[in-house]
C-alpha atoms as a PDB file:
ATOM      1  CA  MET A   1      34.578  20.659 -15.612  1.00  0.00           C
ATOM      2  CA  ILE A   2      33.116  18.836 -18.582  1.00  0.00           C
ATOM      3  CA  ARG A   3      32.843  19.919 -22.193  1.00  0.00           C
ATOM      4  CA  VAL A   4      29.711  19.139 -24.169  1.00  0.00           C
ATOM      5  CA  ARG A   5      29.249  19.730 -27.887  1.00  0.00           C
ATOM      6  CA  VAL A   6      25.797  20.995 -28.903  1.00  0.00           C
ATOM      7  CA  ARG A   7      24.481  20.847 -32.457  1.00  0.00           C
ATOM      8  CA  PHE A   8      21.469  22.744 -33.812  1.00  0.00           C
ATOM      9  CA  TYR A   9      19.295  21.686 -36.742  1.00  0.00           C
ATOM     10  CA  ALA A  10      16.620  23.036 -39.052  1.00  0.00           C
ATOM     11  CA  GLY A  11      15.165  26.485 -38.404  1.00  0.00           C
ATOM     12  CA  LEU A  12      16.716  26.538 -34.952  1.00  0.00           C
ATOM     13  CA  ARG A  13      20.184  26.687 -36.487  1.00  0.00           C
ATOM     14  CA  HIS A  14      19.142  29.834 -38.358  1.00  0.00           C
ATOM     15  CA  ARG A  15      17.563  31.432 -35.280  1.00  0.00           C
ATOM     16  CA  VAL A  16      20.603  30.699 -33.098  1.00  0.00           C
ATOM     17  CA  GLY A  17      23.013  31.776 -35.843  1.00  0.00           C
ATOM     18  CA  VAL A  18      25.447  28.863 -35.459  1.00  0.00           C
ATOM     19  CA  SER A  19      25.332  25.170 -36.258  1.00  0.00           C
ATOM     20  CA  GLU A  20      27.066  24.132 -33.050  1.00  0.00           C
ATOM     21  CA  ALA A  21      28.376  25.369 -29.713  1.00  0.00           C
ATOM     22  CA  THR A  22      30.574  24.029 -26.943  1.00  0.00           C
ATOM     23  CA  LEU A  23      29.503  24.239 -23.320  1.00  0.00           C
ATOM     24  CA  GLU A  24      31.747  24.000 -20.288  1.00  0.00           C
ATOM     25  CA  LEU A  25      29.719  22.750 -17.342  1.00  0.00           C
ATOM     26  CA  PRO A  26      30.569  21.598 -13.825  1.00  0.00           C
ATOM     27  CA  ASP A  27      31.108  17.908 -13.110  1.00  0.00           C
ATOM     28  CA  GLY A  28      27.776  16.226 -12.401  1.00  0.00           C
ATOM     29  CA  ALA A  29      25.853  18.584 -14.704  1.00  0.00           C
ATOM     30  CA  ARG A  30      22.579  17.365 -16.145  1.00  0.00           C
ATOM     31  CA  VAL A  31      20.822  18.136 -19.419  1.00  0.00           C
ATOM     32  CA  GLU A  32      18.855  20.748 -17.464  1.00  0.00           C
ATOM     33  CA  HIS A  33      22.084  22.676 -16.825  1.00  0.00           C
ATOM     34  CA  ALA A  34      22.959  22.572 -20.524  1.00  0.00           C
ATOM     35  CA  VAL A  35      19.480  23.849 -21.451  1.00  0.00           C
ATOM     36  CA  ASP A  36      19.818  26.698 -18.937  1.00  0.00           C
ATOM     37  CA  GLU A  37      23.214  27.651 -20.357  1.00  0.00           C
ATOM     38  CA  LEU A  38      21.917  27.542 -23.941  1.00  0.00           C
ATOM     39  CA  ALA A  39      18.998  29.803 -23.008  1.00  0.00           C
ATOM     40  CA  ARG A  40      21.480  32.212 -21.435  1.00  0.00           C
ATOM     41  CA  MET A  41      23.737  32.144 -24.519  1.00  0.00           C
ATOM     42  CA  PHE A  42      20.904  32.481 -27.051  1.00  0.00           C
ATOM     43  CA  PRO A  43      18.023  34.166 -25.178  1.00  0.00           C
ATOM     44  CA  ARG A  44      16.044  35.337 -28.195  1.00  0.00           C
ATOM     45  CA  ALA A  45      16.218  31.998 -30.003  1.00  0.00           C
ATOM     46  CA  LEU A  46      15.692  29.674 -27.043  1.00  0.00           C
ATOM     47  CA  ARG A  47      13.297  31.616 -24.835  1.00  0.00           C
ATOM     48  CA  GLY A  48      11.086  29.184 -22.950  1.00  0.00           C
ATOM     49  CA  MET A  49      12.985  26.095 -24.091  1.00  0.00           C
ATOM     50  CA  LYS A  50      13.160  24.523 -20.633  1.00  0.00           C
ATOM     51  CA  ALA A  51       9.421  24.899 -20.073  1.00  0.00           C
ATOM     52  CA  LEU A  52       8.744  23.352 -23.481  1.00  0.00           C
ATOM     53  CA  MET A  53      11.114  20.373 -23.182  1.00  0.00           C
ATOM     54  CA  GLY A  54       9.246  17.213 -24.036  1.00  0.00           C
ATOM     55  CA  TYR A  55       6.404  19.130 -25.679  1.00  0.00           C
ATOM     56  CA  ALA A  56       8.077  21.134 -28.392  1.00  0.00           C
ATOM     57  CA  TYR A  57      11.859  21.071 -28.082  1.00  0.00           C
ATOM     58  CA  TRP A  58      13.666  17.830 -27.535  1.00  0.00           C
ATOM     59  CA  VAL A  59      17.276  16.936 -26.962  1.00  0.00           C
ATOM     60  CA  ALA A  60      19.245  13.852 -27.921  1.00  0.00           C
ATOM     61  CA  LYS A  61      22.430  12.874 -26.104  1.00  0.00           C
ATOM     62  CA  ASN A  62      24.815  10.733 -28.112  1.00  0.00           C
ATOM     63  CA  GLY A  63      21.964   9.748 -30.434  1.00  0.00           C
ATOM     64  CA  LEU A  64      19.294   8.959 -27.828  1.00  0.00           C
ATOM     65  CA  GLN A  65      16.455  11.216 -26.682  1.00  0.00           C
ATOM     66  CA  VAL A  66      16.968  12.358 -23.079  1.00  0.00           C
ATOM     67  CA  SER A  67      15.159  14.184 -20.303  1.00  0.00           C
ATOM     68  CA  LEU A  68      16.295  17.181 -18.287  1.00  0.00           C
ATOM     69  CA  GLU A  69      17.447  14.872 -15.468  1.00  0.00           C
ATOM     70  CA  ASP A  70      19.955  12.877 -17.529  1.00  0.00           C
ATOM     71  CA  GLU A  71      23.553  13.351 -16.393  1.00  0.00           C
ATOM     72  CA  LEU A  72      26.184  14.620 -18.798  1.00  0.00           C
ATOM     73  CA  ARG A  73      29.754  13.415 -19.154  1.00  0.00           C
ATOM     74  CA  ASP A  74      32.785  14.997 -20.701  1.00  0.00           C
ATOM     75  CA  GLY A  75      32.690  14.601 -24.481  1.00  0.00           C
ATOM     76  CA  ASP A  76      28.929  14.055 -24.781  1.00  0.00           C
ATOM     77  CA  GLU A  77      27.180  15.454 -27.829  1.00  0.00           C
ATOM     78  CA  LEU A  78      23.746  17.030 -27.557  1.00  0.00           C
ATOM     79  CA  VAL A  79      21.512  17.676 -30.530  1.00  0.00           C
ATOM     80  CA  VAL A  80      18.701  20.185 -30.066  1.00  0.00           C
ATOM     81  CA  PHE A  81      15.619  19.780 -32.224  1.00  0.00           C
ATOM     82  CA  PRO A  82      13.230  22.725 -32.550  1.00  0.00           C
ATOM     83  CA  PRO A  83       9.449  22.689 -32.359  1.00  0.00           C
ATOM     84  CA  ILE A  84       7.935  21.194 -35.479  1.00  0.00           C
ATOM     85  CA  SER A  85       4.648  22.331 -36.890  1.00  0.00           C
ATOM     86  CA  GLY A  86       2.629  21.138 -39.766  1.00  0.00           C
ATOM     87  CA  GLY A  87      -0.701  19.808 -40.717  1.00  0.00           C
END
């Protein structure tokens, strides 16, 4: 098992209701697995997140933007950025 720290920013932090969470995932887990677990933990706030990855939501792992296929390691930190709108 690996532990991954997840941090939420901006309006997403308010919708989720916490500033961070810890995930326990199986060895070999990818960002996709973390996204699935987050959607399960916070269904109202993160509905559709996986489908919108790369278009609206994006995730950084240890300071670098990643895709759903990137592998996670014990101690990694993910930061989830919400959709941004403006004009």
